[in-house]
Amino acid sequence: MAERLGYTYLDTGAMYRASGLLVSRAGLAYKDGRELADLISSHSIDVREGVTLLDGEDVSTLIRSPEMSEAASMVSSFGPVRREMVRLQRRIAARRDTVAEGRDMGTVVFPEADLKVFVTADVVQRGLRRLGQEGRERVEERLPEVVAALLRRDRRDRERADSPLRRAPDAWFLDTTSMSVREQVGRVVELYRRCGGGGA
């Protein structure tokens, strides 16, 4: 979609996964948010054209494991970490027009965005998509485990004190449960045009 609009795609979830990988490599416990934020600020996390870089290393594949998904959810629950990541995300987006994906994009990171879309889907469908992204086998066997992990993450994100998961008042609601990727992109581009966006 970002390419279709001529924008840069910013996957903020990948940035949190990279921070989780960083914490894991450093051997730190998920206890002191300030300590974790200081660690993140002393390293480089960037996303460029779909590639996630940690201190210049391409970690795009490493961060797509279930373990890194859980690590991202844990590290993102700390206020100091979220504030550090918001600073990084705004700095990246300041360089160019951006399509940003993340759980607090419309409420905290980019509250003045031209278009906000709150995207959701049935949790079972989300689990199937996650397994597809990971290229995992034994889908039926692993699906309950993945769905349970998604529900834990959703609850953690909704209940955190800093930047809780919620829909911005001016965000469009998009249920993608029965939509293909092409249909999702088409709908968001349509909304963009409706809001006055050009091109595409």
Protein backbone atom coordinates (compact mmCIF):
# COMPACT_ATOMS: atom_id res chain seq x y z
CA MET A 1 0.00 0.00 0.00
CA ALA A 2 2.79 2.43 0.90
CA GLU A 3 4.43 1.79 -2.47
CA ARG A 4 1.11 2.32 -4.23
CA LEU A 5 0.81 5.73 -2.60
CA GLY A 6 4.47 6.59 -3.10
CA TYR A 7 4.96 6.62 0.68
CA THR A 8 7.42 4.81 2.97
CA TYR A 9 6.07 1.95 5.10
CA LEU A 10 6.90 2.10 8.81
CA ASP A 11 6.30 -1.17 10.65
CA THR A 12 6.50 -0.07 14.28
CA GLY A 13 5.76 -3.61 15.45
CA ALA A 14 9.04 -4.66 13.84
CA MET A 15 10.78 -1.93 15.81
CA TYR A 16 9.39 -3.33 19.08
CA ARG A 17 10.41 -6.83 18.02
CA ALA A 18 13.93 -5.55 17.37
CA SER A 19 13.98 -3.96 20.81
CA GLY A 20 12.84 -7.28 22.28
CA LEU A 21 15.71 -9.01 20.47
CA LEU A 22 18.10 -6.40 21.85
CA VAL A 23 16.88 -6.98 25.43
CA SER A 24 17.12 -10.74 24.93
CA ARG A 25 20.69 -10.50 23.68
CA ALA A 26 21.61 -8.25 26.61
CA GLY A 27 20.18 -10.78 29.06
CA LEU A 28 18.06 -8.19 30.88
CA ALA A 29 14.89 -9.00 32.77
CA TYR A 30 11.61 -7.25 31.94
CA LYS A 31 11.47 -5.40 35.25
CA ASP A 32 12.95 -1.91 34.97
CA GLY A 33 11.45 0.13 32.13
CA ARG A 34 14.03 2.90 32.49
CA GLU A 35 16.87 0.40 32.19
CA LEU A 36 15.31 -1.08 29.05
CA ALA A 37 14.73 2.36 27.52
CA ASP A 38 18.35 3.35 28.23
CA LEU A 39 19.53 0.18 26.49
CA ILE A 40 17.37 0.92 23.43
CA SER A 41 18.54 4.53 23.26
CA SER A 42 22.15 3.38 23.18
CA HIS A 43 21.59 1.29 20.06
CA SER A 44 20.26 1.94 16.55
CA ILE A 45 16.87 0.58 15.43
CA ASP A 46 15.61 1.48 11.98
CA VAL A 47 13.17 0.24 9.34
CA ARG A 48 14.01 0.84 5.69
CA GLU A 49 11.96 -0.45 2.78
CA GLY A 50 10.71 -3.45 4.71
CA VAL A 51 14.07 -4.29 6.27
CA THR A 52 14.51 -4.05 10.05
CA LEU A 53 17.99 -3.02 11.14
CA LEU A 54 19.49 -3.37 14.62
CA ASP A 55 22.82 -1.57 14.79
CA GLY A 56 23.00 -1.98 11.02
CA GLU A 57 22.33 -5.74 11.15
CA ASP A 58 19.38 -7.05 9.15
CA VAL A 59 17.27 -8.83 11.78
CA SER A 60 14.09 -9.02 9.68
CA THR A 61 13.97 -12.82 9.86
CA LEU A 62 15.20 -13.19 13.44
CA ILE A 63 12.40 -11.03 14.88
CA ARG A 64 9.55 -13.04 13.31
CA SER A 65 9.63 -15.90 15.80
CA PRO A 66 6.90 -16.47 18.43
CA GLU A 67 9.50 -15.74 21.10
CA MET A 68 10.25 -12.31 19.65
CA SER A 69 6.54 -11.58 19.34
CA GLU A 70 6.17 -12.22 23.07
CA ALA A 71 9.33 -10.21 23.80
CA ALA A 72 7.94 -7.27 21.84
CA SER A 73 4.72 -7.37 23.81
CA MET A 74 6.61 -7.49 27.11
CA VAL A 75 9.04 -4.67 26.34
CA SER A 76 6.30 -2.45 24.91
CA SER A 77 4.38 -2.54 28.20
CA PHE A 78 6.85 -0.13 29.83
CA GLY A 79 6.16 3.60 29.58
CA PRO A 80 9.82 4.68 29.29
CA VAL A 81 10.31 2.22 26.43
CA ARG A 82 7.23 3.45 24.60
CA ARG A 83 8.31 7.07 24.92
CA GLU A 84 11.75 6.22 23.53
CA MET A 85 10.18 4.32 20.64
CA VAL A 86 7.75 7.16 19.89
CA ARG A 87 10.74 9.48 19.61
CA LEU A 88 12.41 7.09 17.14
CA GLN A 89 9.23 6.57 15.11
CA ARG A 90 8.56 10.28 14.76
CA ARG A 91 12.16 10.88 13.73
CA ILE A 92 11.93 8.23 11.02
CA ALA A 93 8.59 9.53 9.71
CA ALA A 94 9.87 13.10 9.66
CA ARG A 95 12.18 12.16 6.78
CA ARG A 96 9.41 11.28 4.33
CA ASP A 97 5.68 10.72 3.79
CA THR A 98 4.82 7.59 5.73
CA VAL A 99 2.23 4.84 6.12
CA ALA A 100 2.69 3.70 9.73
CA GLU A 101 1.36 0.50 11.24
CA GLY A 102 1.10 0.01 14.98
CA ARG A 103 -1.19 -0.13 17.97
CA ASP A 104 -0.86 3.50 19.07
CA MET A 105 -0.23 5.25 15.77
CA GLY A 106 -3.44 7.29 15.64
CA THR A 107 -3.76 7.97 19.36
CA VAL A 108 -0.20 8.74 20.47
CA VAL A 109 2.52 8.69 17.83
CA PHE A 110 0.80 10.55 14.98
CA PRO A 111 -2.40 12.09 16.41
CA GLU A 112 -2.48 14.64 13.56
CA ALA A 113 -2.24 12.03 10.78
CA ASP A 114 -4.20 12.76 7.60
CA LEU A 115 -5.86 9.34 7.77
CA LYS A 116 -6.30 6.92 10.67
CA VAL A 117 -7.63 3.40 10.23
CA PHE A 118 -8.32 1.07 13.15
CA VAL A 119 -7.79 -2.40 11.70
CA THR A 120 -9.12 -5.51 13.40
CA ALA A 121 -9.96 -9.14 12.59
CA ASP A 122 -11.32 -12.25 14.27
CA VAL A 123 -8.61 -13.64 16.54
CA VAL A 124 -8.68 -17.08 14.90
CA GLN A 125 -8.13 -15.49 11.50
CA ARG A 126 -5.30 -13.45 12.97
CA GLY A 127 -3.77 -16.66 14.31
CA LEU A 128 -3.94 -18.31 10.91
CA ARG A 129 -2.31 -15.27 9.33
CA ARG A 130 0.45 -15.29 11.94
CA LEU A 131 1.20 -18.96 11.28
CA GLY A 132 1.22 -18.23 7.56
CA GLN A 133 3.72 -15.41 8.06
CA GLU A 134 5.99 -17.70 10.02
CA GLY A 135 5.70 -20.48 7.45
CA ARG A 136 4.84 -22.90 10.22
CA GLU A 137 3.59 -26.43 9.71
CA ARG A 138 1.11 -28.30 11.93
CA VAL A 139 -1.27 -25.34 11.73
CA GLU A 140 -4.25 -27.05 13.38
CA GLU A 141 -2.05 -28.28 16.22
CA ARG A 142 -0.40 -24.92 16.86
CA LEU A 143 -3.39 -22.63 16.28
CA PRO A 144 -4.76 -22.75 19.88
CA GLU A 145 -1.33 -21.79 21.24
CA VAL A 146 -1.01 -18.87 18.83
CA VAL A 147 -4.56 -17.63 19.50
CA ALA A 148 -3.93 -17.75 23.27
CA ALA A 149 -0.74 -15.71 22.80
CA LEU A 150 -2.61 -13.12 20.71
CA LEU A 151 -5.33 -12.80 23.35
CA ARG A 152 -2.70 -12.32 26.08
CA ARG A 153 -1.01 -9.64 24.00
CA ASP A 154 -4.33 -7.87 23.31
CA ARG A 155 -5.20 -7.85 27.00
CA ARG A 156 -1.73 -6.59 27.97
CA ASP A 157 -1.91 -3.81 25.37
CA ARG A 158 -5.42 -2.73 26.38
CA GLU A 159 -4.61 -2.65 30.09
CA ARG A 160 -1.20 -0.94 30.06
CA ALA A 161 -1.14 2.51 31.63
CA ASP A 162 0.97 4.11 28.89
CA SER A 163 -0.51 4.28 25.35
CA PRO A 164 -3.20 1.60 25.80
CA LEU A 165 -4.64 -0.03 22.71
CA ARG A 166 -7.76 1.88 21.70
CA ARG A 167 -9.40 3.33 18.64
CA ALA A 168 -8.83 7.02 17.98
CA PRO A 169 -12.16 8.94 17.90
CA ASP A 170 -11.53 10.02 14.30
CA ALA A 171 -10.26 6.67 13.03
CA TRP A 172 -12.09 4.63 10.40
CA PHE A 173 -12.98 1.09 11.53
CA LEU A 174 -11.90 -1.74 9.23
CA ASP A 175 -12.71 -5.40 9.98
CA THR A 176 -10.44 -7.46 7.71
CA THR A 177 -11.58 -10.92 8.83
CA SER A 178 -12.96 -11.89 5.44
CA MET A 179 -10.79 -9.60 3.31
CA SER A 180 -7.78 -10.48 1.18
CA VAL A 181 -4.64 -8.34 1.40
CA ARG A 182 -5.53 -6.79 -1.96
CA GLU A 183 -9.01 -5.89 -0.68
CA GLN A 184 -7.58 -4.38 2.50
CA VAL A 185 -5.15 -2.23 0.55
CA GLY A 186 -7.87 -1.14 -1.85
CA ARG A 187 -10.14 -0.10 0.99
CA VAL A 188 -7.46 1.95 2.75
CA VAL A 189 -6.45 3.65 -0.51
CA GLU A 190 -10.13 4.46 -1.09
CA LEU A 191 -10.34 6.03 2.37
CA TYR A 192 -7.16 7.98 1.67
CA ARG A 193 -8.65 9.42 -1.48
CA ARG A 194 -11.89 10.22 0.34
CA CYS A 195 -9.87 12.20 2.87
CA GLY A 196 -8.32 14.27 0.12
CA GLY A 197 -5.24 12.21 -0.70
CA GLY A 198 -4.07 12.24 -4.29
CA GLY A 199 -2.34 9.88 -6.67
CA ALA A 200 -2.37 6.08 -6.37
